[in-house]
N, C-alpha and C. Protein backbone atom coordinates (compact mmCIF):
# COMPACT_ATOMS: atom_id res chain seq x y z
N UNK A 1 -6.54 -13.10 7.42
CA UNK A 1 -5.47 -12.11 7.46
C UNK A 1 -6.10 -10.72 7.52
N UNK A 2 -5.80 -9.99 8.56
CA UNK A 2 -6.33 -8.64 8.76
C UNK A 2 -5.27 -7.64 8.31
N UNK A 3 -5.51 -6.97 7.16
CA UNK A 3 -4.54 -6.04 6.58
C UNK A 3 -5.02 -4.61 6.78
N UNK A 4 -4.09 -3.75 7.20
CA UNK A 4 -4.38 -2.33 7.38
C UNK A 4 -3.27 -1.52 6.72
N UNK A 5 -3.63 -0.68 5.75
CA UNK A 5 -2.66 0.24 5.13
C UNK A 5 -2.90 1.59 5.77
N UNK A 6 -1.85 2.17 6.33
CA UNK A 6 -2.00 3.46 7.02
C UNK A 6 -0.73 4.27 6.87
N UNK A 7 -0.87 5.58 7.19
CA UNK A 7 0.31 6.44 7.20
C UNK A 7 1.23 6.01 8.34
N UNK A 8 2.50 6.06 8.07
CA UNK A 8 3.48 5.72 9.11
C UNK A 8 3.46 6.78 10.19
N UNK A 9 3.70 6.35 11.41
CA UNK A 9 3.83 7.24 12.56
C UNK A 9 5.23 7.07 13.15
N UNK A 10 5.61 7.99 13.98
CA UNK A 10 6.96 8.00 14.56
C UNK A 10 7.34 6.65 15.18
N UNK A 11 6.38 6.01 15.80
CA UNK A 11 6.64 4.74 16.47
C UNK A 11 6.96 3.62 15.47
N UNK A 12 6.73 3.83 14.19
CA UNK A 12 7.04 2.83 13.17
C UNK A 12 8.50 2.88 12.72
N UNK A 13 9.23 3.90 13.11
CA UNK A 13 10.58 4.09 12.56
C UNK A 13 11.49 2.89 12.78
N UNK A 14 11.48 2.31 13.97
CA UNK A 14 12.38 1.17 14.23
C UNK A 14 12.05 0.02 13.29
N UNK A 15 10.78 -0.28 13.11
CA UNK A 15 10.38 -1.38 12.23
C UNK A 15 10.69 -1.06 10.77
N UNK A 16 10.44 0.18 10.35
CA UNK A 16 10.76 0.55 8.98
C UNK A 16 12.25 0.39 8.71
N UNK A 17 13.09 0.81 9.66
CA UNK A 17 14.54 0.65 9.48
C UNK A 17 14.93 -0.82 9.41
N UNK A 18 14.28 -1.68 10.18
CA UNK A 18 14.53 -3.12 10.07
C UNK A 18 14.23 -3.59 8.64
N UNK A 19 13.12 -3.10 8.10
CA UNK A 19 12.73 -3.50 6.75
C UNK A 19 13.65 -2.90 5.69
N UNK A 20 14.16 -1.70 5.94
CA UNK A 20 15.15 -1.10 5.03
C UNK A 20 16.38 -2.01 4.96
N UNK A 21 16.80 -2.52 6.11
CA UNK A 21 17.95 -3.41 6.14
C UNK A 21 17.65 -4.73 5.43
N UNK A 22 16.41 -5.21 5.57
CA UNK A 22 16.01 -6.42 4.83
C UNK A 22 16.06 -6.16 3.32
N UNK A 23 15.62 -4.98 2.91
CA UNK A 23 15.69 -4.62 1.50
C UNK A 23 17.13 -4.57 1.02
N UNK A 24 18.02 -4.01 1.82
CA UNK A 24 19.43 -3.92 1.44
C UNK A 24 20.04 -5.31 1.26
N UNK A 25 19.66 -6.25 2.09
CA UNK A 25 20.14 -7.62 1.93
C UNK A 25 19.62 -8.19 0.62
N UNK A 26 18.33 -7.99 0.35
CA UNK A 26 17.72 -8.48 -0.90
C UNK A 26 18.42 -7.87 -2.12
N UNK A 27 18.79 -6.60 -2.02
CA UNK A 27 19.44 -5.90 -3.14
C UNK A 27 20.95 -6.10 -3.17
N UNK A 28 21.43 -7.03 -2.34
CA UNK A 28 22.84 -7.43 -2.32
C UNK A 28 23.77 -6.28 -1.89
N UNK A 29 23.28 -5.44 -0.99
CA UNK A 29 24.08 -4.31 -0.50
C UNK A 29 23.85 -4.10 1.00
N UNK A 30 24.04 -5.15 1.81
CA UNK A 30 23.70 -5.04 3.24
C UNK A 30 24.51 -4.00 4.01
N UNK A 31 25.70 -3.68 3.55
CA UNK A 31 26.54 -2.72 4.27
C UNK A 31 26.32 -1.28 3.84
N UNK A 32 25.43 -1.06 2.89
CA UNK A 32 25.19 0.29 2.37
C UNK A 32 24.24 1.12 3.24
N UNK A 33 23.50 0.49 4.14
CA UNK A 33 22.59 1.23 5.02
C UNK A 33 23.42 1.81 6.16
N UNK A 34 23.63 3.13 6.11
CA UNK A 34 24.45 3.79 7.12
C UNK A 34 23.68 4.85 7.91
N UNK A 35 22.43 5.09 7.56
CA UNK A 35 21.64 6.09 8.27
C UNK A 35 21.44 5.63 9.71
N UNK A 36 21.59 6.56 10.66
CA UNK A 36 21.33 6.17 12.05
C UNK A 36 19.88 6.47 12.41
N UNK A 37 19.42 5.81 13.45
CA UNK A 37 18.02 5.89 13.85
C UNK A 37 17.57 7.32 14.10
N UNK A 38 18.36 8.10 14.84
CA UNK A 38 17.94 9.47 15.18
C UNK A 38 17.77 10.32 13.92
N UNK A 39 18.70 10.19 12.98
CA UNK A 39 18.60 10.96 11.74
C UNK A 39 17.38 10.52 10.94
N UNK A 40 17.14 9.22 10.88
CA UNK A 40 16.00 8.68 10.16
C UNK A 40 14.69 9.22 10.76
N UNK A 41 14.56 9.12 12.06
CA UNK A 41 13.35 9.58 12.73
C UNK A 41 13.15 11.08 12.57
N UNK A 42 14.20 11.86 12.78
CA UNK A 42 14.12 13.32 12.65
C UNK A 42 13.74 13.72 11.23
N UNK A 43 14.26 12.98 10.24
CA UNK A 43 13.98 13.31 8.84
C UNK A 43 12.53 13.05 8.45
N UNK A 44 11.88 12.16 9.17
CA UNK A 44 10.49 11.85 8.87
C UNK A 44 9.49 12.50 9.81
N UNK A 45 9.92 12.78 11.05
CA UNK A 45 8.97 13.24 12.05
C UNK A 45 9.46 14.44 12.85
N UNK A 46 10.53 15.07 12.40
CA UNK A 46 11.01 16.28 13.04
C UNK A 46 10.21 17.49 12.59
N UNK A 47 10.68 18.69 12.89
CA UNK A 47 9.94 19.90 12.54
C UNK A 47 9.85 20.15 11.03
N UNK A 48 10.78 19.60 10.26
CA UNK A 48 10.77 19.78 8.80
C UNK A 48 10.93 18.43 8.11
N UNK A 49 9.88 17.60 8.11
CA UNK A 49 10.02 16.27 7.52
C UNK A 49 10.33 16.33 6.03
N UNK A 50 11.17 15.40 5.60
CA UNK A 50 11.52 15.32 4.18
C UNK A 50 11.04 14.01 3.56
N UNK A 51 10.52 13.10 4.37
CA UNK A 51 9.96 11.87 3.83
C UNK A 51 8.66 11.53 4.55
N UNK A 52 7.85 10.75 3.85
CA UNK A 52 6.58 10.25 4.39
C UNK A 52 6.49 8.79 3.99
N UNK A 53 5.63 8.05 4.65
CA UNK A 53 5.53 6.63 4.33
C UNK A 53 4.15 6.09 4.65
N UNK A 54 3.83 5.00 4.00
CA UNK A 54 2.68 4.18 4.34
C UNK A 54 3.22 2.84 4.79
N UNK A 55 2.53 2.23 5.74
CA UNK A 55 2.91 0.89 6.18
C UNK A 55 1.74 -0.05 5.94
N UNK A 56 2.09 -1.31 5.75
CA UNK A 56 1.10 -2.39 5.63
C UNK A 56 1.21 -3.24 6.88
N UNK A 57 0.17 -3.20 7.69
CA UNK A 57 0.12 -4.03 8.89
C UNK A 57 -0.69 -5.28 8.59
N UNK A 58 -0.20 -6.40 9.06
CA UNK A 58 -0.95 -7.65 8.98
C UNK A 58 -1.09 -8.16 10.39
N UNK A 59 -2.31 -8.24 10.84
CA UNK A 59 -2.60 -8.67 12.22
C UNK A 59 -1.77 -7.86 13.22
N UNK A 60 -1.67 -6.56 12.97
CA UNK A 60 -1.00 -5.64 13.89
C UNK A 60 0.51 -5.53 13.75
N UNK A 61 1.11 -6.28 12.83
CA UNK A 61 2.57 -6.25 12.64
C UNK A 61 2.87 -5.61 11.28
N UNK A 62 3.77 -4.62 11.26
CA UNK A 62 4.16 -3.98 10.00
C UNK A 62 4.96 -4.99 9.18
N UNK A 63 4.40 -5.33 8.00
CA UNK A 63 5.00 -6.32 7.11
C UNK A 63 5.45 -5.70 5.79
N UNK A 64 5.28 -4.40 5.64
CA UNK A 64 5.71 -3.73 4.43
C UNK A 64 5.61 -2.23 4.58
N UNK A 65 6.29 -1.51 3.70
CA UNK A 65 6.23 -0.05 3.73
C UNK A 65 6.52 0.50 2.35
N UNK A 66 6.08 1.73 2.13
CA UNK A 66 6.40 2.50 0.94
C UNK A 66 6.79 3.89 1.43
N UNK A 67 8.04 4.28 1.21
CA UNK A 67 8.56 5.55 1.69
C UNK A 67 8.82 6.45 0.49
N UNK A 68 8.35 7.70 0.59
CA UNK A 68 8.47 8.61 -0.54
C UNK A 68 8.79 10.03 -0.07
N UNK A 69 9.16 10.84 -1.03
CA UNK A 69 9.34 12.28 -0.80
C UNK A 69 8.87 13.00 -2.05
N UNK A 70 8.80 14.31 -1.96
CA UNK A 70 8.37 15.13 -3.09
C UNK A 70 9.60 15.77 -3.72
N UNK A 71 9.72 15.61 -5.01
CA UNK A 71 10.82 16.24 -5.75
C UNK A 71 10.22 17.22 -6.74
N UNK A 72 11.06 18.09 -7.25
CA UNK A 72 10.59 19.07 -8.21
C UNK A 72 11.32 18.91 -9.53
N UNK A 73 10.56 18.82 -10.60
CA UNK A 73 11.11 18.76 -11.95
C UNK A 73 10.84 20.09 -12.63
N UNK A 74 11.88 20.71 -13.17
CA UNK A 74 11.66 21.98 -13.88
C UNK A 74 10.82 21.76 -15.13
N UNK A 75 10.73 20.54 -15.61
CA UNK A 75 9.93 20.25 -16.80
C UNK A 75 8.50 19.85 -16.44
N UNK A 76 8.32 19.19 -15.30
CA UNK A 76 7.02 18.60 -14.98
C UNK A 76 6.36 19.17 -13.71
N UNK A 77 7.12 19.80 -12.84
CA UNK A 77 6.57 20.28 -11.57
C UNK A 77 6.79 19.27 -10.46
N UNK A 78 5.96 19.32 -9.43
CA UNK A 78 6.12 18.44 -8.28
C UNK A 78 5.73 17.01 -8.62
N UNK A 79 6.60 16.09 -8.23
CA UNK A 79 6.37 14.66 -8.46
C UNK A 79 6.72 13.89 -7.20
N UNK A 80 6.04 12.80 -6.99
CA UNK A 80 6.38 11.91 -5.88
C UNK A 80 7.58 11.07 -6.31
N UNK A 81 8.53 10.90 -5.41
CA UNK A 81 9.63 9.99 -5.66
C UNK A 81 9.51 8.85 -4.66
N UNK A 82 9.29 7.66 -5.16
CA UNK A 82 9.20 6.47 -4.32
C UNK A 82 10.62 5.99 -4.04
N UNK A 83 11.05 6.17 -2.82
CA UNK A 83 12.41 5.78 -2.43
C UNK A 83 12.49 4.27 -2.23
N UNK A 84 11.56 3.71 -1.49
CA UNK A 84 11.58 2.28 -1.23
C UNK A 84 10.16 1.74 -1.10
N UNK A 85 9.97 0.56 -1.63
CA UNK A 85 8.74 -0.20 -1.45
C UNK A 85 9.19 -1.62 -1.12
N UNK A 86 8.78 -2.11 0.04
CA UNK A 86 9.19 -3.45 0.45
C UNK A 86 8.05 -4.14 1.17
N UNK A 87 7.89 -5.40 0.85
CA UNK A 87 7.02 -6.30 1.60
C UNK A 87 7.94 -7.43 2.07
N UNK A 88 7.79 -7.82 3.34
CA UNK A 88 8.65 -8.88 3.88
C UNK A 88 8.55 -10.13 3.02
N UNK A 89 9.62 -10.89 3.02
CA UNK A 89 9.68 -12.08 2.17
C UNK A 89 8.51 -13.02 2.41
N UNK A 90 8.16 -13.23 3.67
CA UNK A 90 7.08 -14.18 3.95
C UNK A 90 5.70 -13.68 3.55
N UNK A 91 5.56 -12.37 3.30
CA UNK A 91 4.26 -11.82 2.94
C UNK A 91 4.15 -11.47 1.46
N UNK A 92 5.21 -11.70 0.69
CA UNK A 92 5.16 -11.40 -0.75
C UNK A 92 4.15 -12.31 -1.45
N UNK A 93 3.50 -11.74 -2.45
CA UNK A 93 2.53 -12.50 -3.22
C UNK A 93 1.13 -12.51 -2.61
N UNK A 94 0.93 -11.77 -1.54
CA UNK A 94 -0.37 -11.74 -0.87
C UNK A 94 -1.13 -10.43 -1.12
N UNK A 95 -0.59 -9.57 -2.00
CA UNK A 95 -1.30 -8.35 -2.37
C UNK A 95 -0.93 -7.10 -1.59
N UNK A 96 0.01 -7.21 -0.65
CA UNK A 96 0.38 -6.03 0.14
C UNK A 96 1.07 -4.97 -0.71
N UNK A 97 1.93 -5.39 -1.63
CA UNK A 97 2.61 -4.43 -2.50
C UNK A 97 1.62 -3.64 -3.33
N UNK A 98 0.62 -4.32 -3.85
CA UNK A 98 -0.42 -3.65 -4.63
C UNK A 98 -1.19 -2.66 -3.77
N UNK A 99 -1.54 -3.05 -2.56
CA UNK A 99 -2.26 -2.13 -1.66
C UNK A 99 -1.41 -0.89 -1.35
N UNK A 100 -0.13 -1.09 -1.10
CA UNK A 100 0.76 0.05 -0.83
C UNK A 100 0.90 0.95 -2.05
N UNK A 101 1.12 0.34 -3.22
CA UNK A 101 1.31 1.12 -4.43
C UNK A 101 0.03 1.88 -4.80
N UNK A 102 -1.11 1.24 -4.64
CA UNK A 102 -2.38 1.91 -4.90
C UNK A 102 -2.57 3.10 -3.95
N UNK A 103 -2.13 2.95 -2.71
CA UNK A 103 -2.21 4.05 -1.75
C UNK A 103 -1.32 5.21 -2.18
N UNK A 104 -0.14 4.90 -2.71
CA UNK A 104 0.75 5.94 -3.24
C UNK A 104 0.10 6.68 -4.40
N UNK A 105 -0.52 5.93 -5.30
CA UNK A 105 -1.20 6.55 -6.43
C UNK A 105 -2.29 7.52 -5.95
N UNK A 106 -3.07 7.08 -4.97
CA UNK A 106 -4.12 7.94 -4.42
C UNK A 106 -3.53 9.19 -3.78
N UNK A 107 -2.46 9.01 -3.02
CA UNK A 107 -1.81 10.14 -2.34
C UNK A 107 -1.29 11.15 -3.36
N UNK A 108 -0.63 10.66 -4.42
CA UNK A 108 -0.09 11.56 -5.44
C UNK A 108 -1.21 12.34 -6.12
N UNK A 109 -2.32 11.68 -6.40
CA UNK A 109 -3.45 12.36 -7.03
C UNK A 109 -4.09 13.37 -6.09
N UNK A 110 -4.23 13.00 -4.81
CA UNK A 110 -4.81 13.93 -3.83
C UNK A 110 -3.94 15.17 -3.66
N UNK A 111 -2.63 14.99 -3.72
CA UNK A 111 -1.70 16.12 -3.59
C UNK A 111 -1.56 16.90 -4.90
N UNK A 112 -2.23 16.43 -5.95
CA UNK A 112 -2.17 17.05 -7.27
C UNK A 112 -0.74 17.08 -7.83
N UNK A 113 -0.01 16.00 -7.56
CA UNK A 113 1.35 15.86 -8.08
C UNK A 113 1.26 15.45 -9.55
N UNK A 114 2.34 15.65 -10.27
CA UNK A 114 2.36 15.40 -11.71
C UNK A 114 2.77 13.98 -12.07
N UNK A 115 2.98 13.14 -11.09
CA UNK A 115 3.34 11.75 -11.36
C UNK A 115 4.17 11.17 -10.25
N UNK A 116 4.61 9.95 -10.46
CA UNK A 116 5.46 9.23 -9.51
C UNK A 116 6.66 8.69 -10.27
N UNK A 117 7.82 8.77 -9.65
CA UNK A 117 9.04 8.21 -10.23
C UNK A 117 9.73 7.35 -9.20
N UNK A 118 10.52 6.40 -9.68
CA UNK A 118 11.29 5.53 -8.80
C UNK A 118 12.34 4.84 -9.63
N UNK A 119 13.19 4.09 -8.97
CA UNK A 119 14.21 3.29 -9.64
C UNK A 119 13.98 1.83 -9.29
N UNK A 120 14.39 0.96 -10.17
CA UNK A 120 14.34 -0.48 -9.91
C UNK A 120 15.61 -1.08 -10.49
N UNK A 121 16.21 -1.97 -9.75
CA UNK A 121 17.43 -2.62 -10.24
C UNK A 121 17.10 -3.47 -11.45
N UNK A 122 17.99 -3.44 -12.44
CA UNK A 122 17.71 -4.11 -13.71
C UNK A 122 17.56 -5.62 -13.57
N UNK A 123 18.11 -6.21 -12.52
CA UNK A 123 18.00 -7.66 -12.32
C UNK A 123 16.78 -8.04 -11.49
N UNK A 124 16.06 -7.07 -10.95
CA UNK A 124 14.95 -7.36 -10.04
C UNK A 124 13.66 -7.63 -10.84
N UNK A 125 13.63 -8.79 -11.47
CA UNK A 125 12.50 -9.15 -12.33
C UNK A 125 11.15 -9.15 -11.61
N UNK A 126 11.07 -9.64 -10.36
CA UNK A 126 9.76 -9.59 -9.70
C UNK A 126 9.24 -8.16 -9.57
N UNK A 127 10.11 -7.22 -9.23
CA UNK A 127 9.69 -5.81 -9.10
C UNK A 127 9.34 -5.24 -10.48
N UNK A 128 10.15 -5.52 -11.47
CA UNK A 128 9.88 -5.01 -12.82
C UNK A 128 8.53 -5.51 -13.31
N UNK A 129 8.27 -6.79 -13.10
CA UNK A 129 6.99 -7.36 -13.53
C UNK A 129 5.82 -6.75 -12.75
N UNK A 130 6.03 -6.45 -11.47
CA UNK A 130 5.01 -5.78 -10.67
C UNK A 130 4.69 -4.41 -11.26
N UNK A 131 5.71 -3.62 -11.57
CA UNK A 131 5.49 -2.28 -12.10
C UNK A 131 4.89 -2.30 -13.51
N UNK A 132 5.20 -3.33 -14.28
CA UNK A 132 4.62 -3.45 -15.62
C UNK A 132 3.11 -3.58 -15.55
N UNK A 133 2.59 -4.15 -14.47
CA UNK A 133 1.13 -4.29 -14.30
C UNK A 133 0.46 -2.92 -14.23
N UNK A 134 1.22 -1.90 -13.86
CA UNK A 134 0.71 -0.53 -13.77
C UNK A 134 1.01 0.26 -15.04
N UNK A 135 1.51 -0.40 -16.05
CA UNK A 135 1.89 0.26 -17.30
C UNK A 135 2.95 1.34 -17.07
N UNK A 136 3.85 1.08 -16.13
CA UNK A 136 4.95 2.01 -15.87
C UNK A 136 5.88 2.07 -17.08
N UNK A 137 6.47 3.23 -17.28
CA UNK A 137 7.46 3.35 -18.35
C UNK A 137 8.85 3.16 -17.75
N UNK A 138 9.73 2.56 -18.52
CA UNK A 138 11.10 2.29 -18.09
C UNK A 138 12.01 3.08 -19.02
N UNK A 139 12.94 3.83 -18.45
CA UNK A 139 13.76 4.74 -19.24
C UNK A 139 15.24 4.37 -19.12
N UNK A 140 15.77 3.63 -20.09
CA UNK A 140 17.18 3.24 -20.03
C UNK A 140 18.14 4.35 -20.46
N UNK A 141 17.60 5.49 -20.89
CA UNK A 141 18.42 6.56 -21.43
C UNK A 141 19.23 7.31 -20.36
N UNK A 142 18.68 7.41 -19.15
CA UNK A 142 19.31 8.20 -18.10
C UNK A 142 20.27 7.35 -17.27
N UNK A 143 21.38 7.94 -16.88
CA UNK A 143 22.38 7.29 -16.03
C UNK A 143 22.29 7.89 -14.64
N UNK A 144 22.26 7.02 -13.62
CA UNK A 144 22.23 7.52 -12.24
C UNK A 144 23.57 8.15 -11.90
N UNK A 145 23.53 9.29 -11.23
CA UNK A 145 24.72 9.97 -10.78
C UNK A 145 24.55 10.37 -9.32
N UNK A 146 25.62 10.52 -8.60
CA UNK A 146 25.53 10.96 -7.22
C UNK A 146 26.89 11.22 -6.63
N UNK A 147 26.90 11.97 -5.56
CA UNK A 147 28.09 12.25 -4.78
C UNK A 147 27.72 12.01 -3.32
N UNK A 148 28.53 11.25 -2.63
CA UNK A 148 28.30 11.01 -1.21
C UNK A 148 29.38 11.73 -0.41
N UNK A 149 28.99 12.23 0.74
CA UNK A 149 29.91 12.90 1.63
C UNK A 149 30.16 12.03 2.84
N UNK A 150 31.41 11.90 3.23
CA UNK A 150 31.77 11.15 4.42
C UNK A 150 31.47 12.04 5.63
N UNK A 151 30.55 11.61 6.45
CA UNK A 151 30.15 12.43 7.60
C UNK A 151 31.24 12.51 8.67
N UNK A 152 32.31 11.73 8.53
CA UNK A 152 33.39 11.77 9.50
C UNK A 152 34.46 12.80 9.16
N UNK A 153 34.30 13.49 8.03
CA UNK A 153 35.32 14.46 7.62
C UNK A 153 34.83 15.86 7.77
């Protein structure tokens, strides 16, 4: 198995979106992915990118990705926010997730960020157990909040 972890390029957008949809199915929310391809690509590779990603290629095929952005905490400063980390079902358990996560750790340190944050669904035991290997802290005190805007109005 020939594995290559690299920064995502514009040509990876279609495959990354396929994997985002696979993640949505896994997370029991297949209809929640509403971003269109042009917006996704522009947001990552337009003149003002707001996200970056690493991909895991196996024998030339993207089998996983880790997509992140930089957020600012008034208490801590700049931090990486891991939006999504996914390895295809058939490639899970082969170390790709670890390679991607280790690459994120290196990137955050190189950028001199103050840490990494992310969310994990409370029922996603495989992911929780994966993050526990990194001695991640879990904070049940905070409640997720958000407002969505209907782009048709």
